[in-house]
Amino acid sequence: MTDTSAGTEALPNDWSRVLGVVAHPDDLEYGASAALARMSRAGAHVTELLVTRGEAGIDSIPPEECAPIRMREQEAAGSAVGASGVEFLEFPDGALEYGLPLRRQLARAIRVHRPDLVISLNFRESFEEGGSFNHPDHRALGPALLDAVVDAANRWMFPDLAQDGLPPWKGVRYVAFANPPHPTHHVELSEADLQAGIASLVAHEVYFANLDQTMDAESFLREIAERNGAAAGVPLAAAFEAIPC
């Protein structure tokens, strides 16, 4: 459970281009996708980038069969919140490593899409104080993504990108990580935004059908949005750790 006791600041709402970058299909759907719906409705161009294809995410389905399923479900989830596109890198699910290969591909995506806001998922050790350890892919991606924003702005990092027609991009203002243990910012959500976020989570039908748990997406996401909203002084909200760039 996210600690929202200290209150949060409203994230600016004047975004032109938003890039959602997460490790797996379904990572955006635990609250961040409702914020993406809000931004899309306000006129922002939203793109989702999945660093893996989620092929190791379903125990009962072999990876080569699982990846296409999870990719299709993420494409449906992105459509539900108004994303203009859903793209996939091909790093291995469950074995993501911080390093220059990951930073290079992320920097490339940032130069291609030229966002002013990047949204991702919590990369801290846990989602709450004393909670279970966060997924290794999440923990690897967060620092690499922050460094890739710096790399994307530096013409001397990965100079081959500029030779390929991708000049440096210095326009990222924040990287915002959803559902952190200690949020700093929030995005106020309307009921329509929340419903779009719920639809995006429901889109992961095969994934949830194969987990050893039931998922009431409506109740689950509404409870989170109401709790975040109470801390922010609004009815519904998504919570973020927003790091300025």
Protein backbone atom coordinates (compact mmCIF):
# COMPACT_ATOMS: atom_id res chain seq x y z
CA MET A 1 0.00 0.00 0.00
CA THR A 2 1.37 3.38 -1.00
CA ASP A 3 2.18 5.75 1.87
CA THR A 4 0.28 8.94 1.08
CA SER A 5 0.20 10.36 4.60
CA ALA A 6 2.39 13.34 3.79
CA GLY A 7 0.24 14.60 0.91
CA THR A 8 1.32 15.18 -2.67
CA GLU A 9 1.68 17.97 -5.20
CA ALA A 10 -0.28 18.07 -8.44
CA LEU A 11 1.81 17.07 -11.45
CA PRO A 12 1.66 19.73 -14.19
CA ASN A 13 -1.03 19.07 -16.80
CA ASP A 14 0.37 20.82 -19.88
CA TRP A 15 2.05 17.84 -21.52
CA SER A 16 2.45 17.63 -25.29
CA ARG A 17 4.03 14.18 -25.65
CA VAL A 18 4.04 11.44 -23.02
CA LEU A 19 6.05 8.23 -23.18
CA GLY A 20 5.10 5.37 -20.87
CA VAL A 21 8.05 3.02 -20.35
CA VAL A 22 7.69 -0.16 -18.30
CA ALA A 23 9.22 -3.62 -18.14
CA HIS A 24 6.15 -5.80 -18.74
CA PRO A 25 2.67 -5.85 -20.23
CA ASP A 26 0.26 -4.90 -17.38
CA ASP A 27 2.81 -2.73 -15.47
CA LEU A 28 1.13 0.52 -16.54
CA GLU A 29 -2.33 -0.75 -15.72
CA TYR A 30 -2.14 -0.54 -11.92
CA GLY A 31 -3.07 3.13 -11.87
CA ALA A 32 -0.69 4.85 -14.28
CA SER A 33 -2.83 4.05 -17.32
CA ALA A 34 -5.73 6.05 -15.87
CA ALA A 35 -3.37 9.04 -15.70
CA LEU A 36 -2.37 8.37 -19.32
CA ALA A 37 -6.08 8.44 -20.21
CA ARG A 38 -6.34 11.82 -18.50
CA MET A 39 -3.39 13.17 -20.46
CA SER A 40 -4.63 11.76 -23.74
CA ARG A 41 -8.06 13.34 -23.22
CA ALA A 42 -6.30 16.66 -22.57
CA GLY A 43 -4.60 16.44 -25.97
CA ALA A 44 -1.23 14.83 -25.19
CA HIS A 45 0.23 12.37 -27.67
CA VAL A 46 0.73 9.17 -25.66
CA THR A 47 2.94 6.24 -26.61
CA GLU A 48 3.63 3.09 -24.58
CA LEU A 49 6.98 1.28 -24.70
CA LEU A 50 7.36 -2.21 -23.23
CA VAL A 51 10.97 -3.21 -22.61
CA THR A 52 10.13 -6.93 -22.60
CA ARG A 53 7.27 -8.86 -24.14
CA GLY A 54 6.23 -10.44 -20.84
CA GLU A 55 7.02 -13.91 -22.13
CA ALA A 56 7.98 -15.30 -18.71
CA GLY A 57 4.85 -14.01 -16.99
CA ILE A 58 2.50 -17.01 -17.21
CA ASP A 59 3.73 -20.24 -15.68
CA SER A 60 1.33 -22.46 -17.64
CA ILE A 61 2.16 -21.04 -21.10
CA PRO A 62 5.60 -21.47 -22.74
CA PRO A 63 7.40 -18.18 -23.45
CA GLU A 64 7.19 -18.48 -27.24
CA GLU A 65 3.40 -18.82 -26.98
CA CYS A 66 3.00 -16.35 -24.14
CA ALA A 67 4.73 -13.35 -25.75
CA PRO A 68 2.21 -12.83 -28.60
CA ILE A 69 -0.69 -13.12 -26.15
CA ARG A 70 0.71 -10.56 -23.77
CA MET A 71 1.63 -8.20 -26.60
CA ARG A 72 -1.93 -8.32 -27.97
CA GLU A 73 -3.34 -7.68 -24.51
CA GLN A 74 -1.05 -4.68 -24.02
CA GLU A 75 -2.09 -3.26 -27.38
CA ALA A 76 -5.73 -3.51 -26.28
CA ALA A 77 -4.85 -1.92 -22.93
CA GLY A 78 -3.09 0.98 -24.66
CA SER A 79 -6.04 1.52 -26.97
CA ALA A 80 -8.37 1.73 -23.96
CA VAL A 81 -6.54 4.81 -22.64
CA GLY A 82 -5.98 6.56 -25.97
CA ALA A 83 -2.36 5.61 -26.62
CA SER A 84 -1.41 6.30 -30.21
CA GLY A 85 0.94 3.34 -30.29
CA VAL A 86 2.32 0.44 -28.27
CA GLU A 87 5.90 -0.62 -28.99
CA PHE A 88 8.06 -3.48 -27.72
CA LEU A 89 11.76 -3.96 -27.22
CA GLU A 90 13.05 -7.50 -26.95
CA PHE A 91 14.98 -7.61 -23.70
CA PRO A 92 14.46 -10.89 -21.80
CA ASP A 93 11.57 -10.96 -19.36
CA GLY A 94 12.83 -11.64 -15.84
CA ALA A 95 16.48 -11.07 -16.73
CA LEU A 96 16.57 -7.32 -17.39
CA GLU A 97 19.96 -5.86 -16.49
CA TYR A 98 21.08 -2.30 -15.93
CA GLY A 99 23.72 -1.44 -18.50
CA LEU A 100 24.63 0.39 -21.68
CA PRO A 101 22.58 -1.84 -24.03
CA LEU A 102 19.40 -1.01 -22.10
CA ARG A 103 20.31 2.67 -21.73
CA ARG A 104 21.01 2.92 -25.45
CA GLN A 105 17.65 1.50 -26.49
CA LEU A 106 15.82 3.71 -24.01
CA ALA A 107 17.76 6.81 -25.14
CA ARG A 108 16.90 5.93 -28.71
CA ALA A 109 13.19 5.71 -27.88
CA ILE A 110 13.33 9.05 -26.09
CA ARG A 111 14.97 10.68 -29.12
CA VAL A 112 12.39 9.11 -31.44
CA HIS A 113 9.32 10.11 -29.42
CA ARG A 114 10.63 13.39 -27.92
CA PRO A 115 8.43 13.34 -24.80
CA ASP A 116 8.20 16.09 -22.24
CA LEU A 117 7.00 13.55 -19.64
CA VAL A 118 8.10 9.95 -19.14
CA ILE A 119 5.93 7.69 -16.99
CA SER A 120 7.05 4.37 -15.53
CA LEU A 121 6.44 2.07 -12.54
CA ASN A 122 7.97 2.17 -9.07
CA PHE A 123 11.58 0.94 -9.05
CA ARG A 124 12.23 1.18 -5.31
CA GLU A 125 12.89 -1.98 -3.31
CA SER A 126 9.22 -2.39 -2.39
CA PHE A 127 5.83 -0.80 -2.99
CA GLU A 128 5.30 -0.17 0.72
CA GLU A 129 7.38 -0.04 3.87
CA GLY A 130 8.10 -3.59 4.94
CA GLY A 131 6.50 -4.99 1.79
CA SER A 132 7.76 -7.77 -0.43
CA PHE A 133 10.78 -7.14 -2.65
CA ASN A 134 9.99 -5.45 -5.96
CA HIS A 135 10.46 -7.38 -9.21
CA PRO A 136 14.09 -7.35 -10.42
CA ASP A 137 13.07 -6.03 -13.84
CA HIS A 138 11.35 -3.03 -12.24
CA ARG A 139 14.41 -2.31 -10.10
CA ALA A 140 16.74 -2.53 -13.09
CA LEU A 141 14.62 -0.40 -15.39
CA GLY A 142 14.15 2.65 -13.16
CA PRO A 143 17.80 3.73 -12.86
CA ALA A 144 18.45 2.87 -16.51
CA LEU A 145 15.51 5.02 -17.58
CA LEU A 146 16.66 8.00 -15.52
CA ASP A 147 20.15 7.69 -16.97
CA ALA A 148 18.75 7.26 -20.49
CA VAL A 149 17.00 10.62 -20.21
CA VAL A 150 20.43 12.16 -19.57
CA ASP A 151 21.95 10.08 -22.39
CA ALA A 152 19.24 11.20 -24.81
CA ALA A 153 20.19 14.82 -24.16
CA ASN A 154 23.94 14.30 -24.61
CA ARG A 155 25.18 14.32 -28.21
CA TRP A 156 28.36 12.51 -27.17
CA MET A 157 26.48 9.52 -25.78
CA PHE A 158 25.63 6.94 -28.44
CA PRO A 159 26.73 9.23 -31.32
CA ASP A 160 25.50 6.67 -33.83
CA LEU A 161 21.95 7.69 -32.93
CA ALA A 162 22.57 11.18 -34.29
CA GLN A 163 24.13 9.65 -37.40
CA ASP A 164 20.86 7.73 -37.81
CA GLY A 165 18.91 11.00 -37.80
CA LEU A 166 18.08 11.12 -34.09
CA PRO A 167 19.56 14.30 -32.61
CA PRO A 168 19.72 14.87 -28.84
CA TRP A 169 16.45 15.52 -27.04
CA LYS A 170 16.56 17.72 -23.92
CA GLY A 171 12.83 18.24 -23.49
CA VAL A 172 11.99 15.69 -20.77
CA ARG A 173 10.83 17.65 -17.72
CA TYR A 174 9.94 14.79 -15.37
CA VAL A 175 10.19 11.03 -15.07
CA ALA A 176 7.21 9.96 -12.97
CA PHE A 177 7.12 6.53 -11.33
CA ALA A 178 3.66 5.22 -10.42
CA ASN A 179 2.73 3.62 -7.10
CA PRO A 180 5.92 4.41 -5.15
CA PRO A 181 6.22 3.87 -1.40
CA HIS A 182 6.61 7.64 -0.90
CA PRO A 183 4.78 9.61 -3.61
CA THR A 184 5.63 13.22 -4.30
CA HIS A 185 2.99 14.09 -6.91
CA HIS A 186 -0.46 13.11 -8.10
CA VAL A 187 -2.63 13.32 -11.20
CA GLU A 188 -6.28 14.03 -10.49
CA LEU A 189 -8.55 11.56 -12.27
CA SER A 190 -12.12 11.91 -13.49
CA GLU A 191 -14.55 9.00 -13.36
CA ALA A 192 -14.05 8.59 -17.11
CA ASP A 193 -10.26 8.38 -16.62
CA LEU A 194 -10.70 5.73 -13.94
CA GLN A 195 -13.05 3.72 -16.13
CA ALA A 196 -10.53 3.84 -18.98
CA GLY A 197 -7.85 2.62 -16.58
CA ILE A 198 -10.10 -0.21 -15.43
CA ALA A 199 -10.72 -1.21 -19.04
CA SER A 200 -6.97 -1.26 -19.65
CA LEU A 201 -6.43 -3.65 -16.74
CA VAL A 202 -9.33 -5.88 -17.80
CA ALA A 203 -7.68 -6.17 -21.23
CA HIS A 204 -5.09 -8.50 -19.68
CA GLU A 205 -7.66 -11.29 -19.65
CA VAL A 206 -5.46 -14.32 -20.37
CA TYR A 207 -2.78 -13.13 -17.97
CA PHE A 208 -5.14 -12.83 -15.02
CA ALA A 209 -7.01 -16.02 -15.89
CA ASN A 210 -3.75 -17.91 -15.40
CA LEU A 211 -2.78 -16.38 -12.06
CA ASP A 212 -3.57 -18.09 -8.78
CA GLN A 213 -5.75 -15.17 -7.73
CA THR A 214 -8.90 -13.39 -8.76
CA MET A 215 -8.82 -9.75 -9.87
CA ASP A 216 -11.76 -7.40 -9.38
CA ALA A 217 -10.31 -4.59 -11.46
CA GLU A 218 -13.10 -2.13 -10.63
CA SER A 219 -12.77 -2.46 -6.85
CA PHE A 220 -8.99 -2.75 -6.89
CA LEU A 221 -8.28 0.37 -8.94
CA ARG A 222 -11.06 2.43 -7.38
CA GLU A 223 -9.71 1.75 -3.90
CA ILE A 224 -6.23 2.87 -4.95
CA ALA A 225 -7.55 5.99 -6.72
CA GLU A 226 -9.72 6.95 -3.75
CA ARG A 227 -6.86 6.49 -1.29
CA ASN A 228 -4.51 8.58 -3.42
CA GLY A 229 -7.24 11.17 -3.89
CA ALA A 230 -7.83 11.46 -0.15
CA ALA A 231 -4.16 12.27 0.37
CA ALA A 232 -4.22 14.81 -2.46
CA GLY A 233 -7.49 16.47 -1.48
CA VAL A 234 -9.36 15.36 -4.61
CA PRO A 235 -11.89 12.55 -5.18
CA LEU A 236 -9.66 10.32 -7.34
CA ALA A 237 -5.95 10.40 -8.15
CA ALA A 238 -2.94 8.42 -9.37
CA ALA A 239 0.20 8.74 -7.24
CA PHE A 240 3.75 9.19 -8.54
CA GLU A 241 7.31 9.79 -7.48
CA ALA A 242 8.11 12.52 -10.00
CA ILE A 243 11.81 13.20 -10.52
CA PRO A 244 12.66 16.45 -12.34
CA CYS A 245 15.13 16.27 -15.21
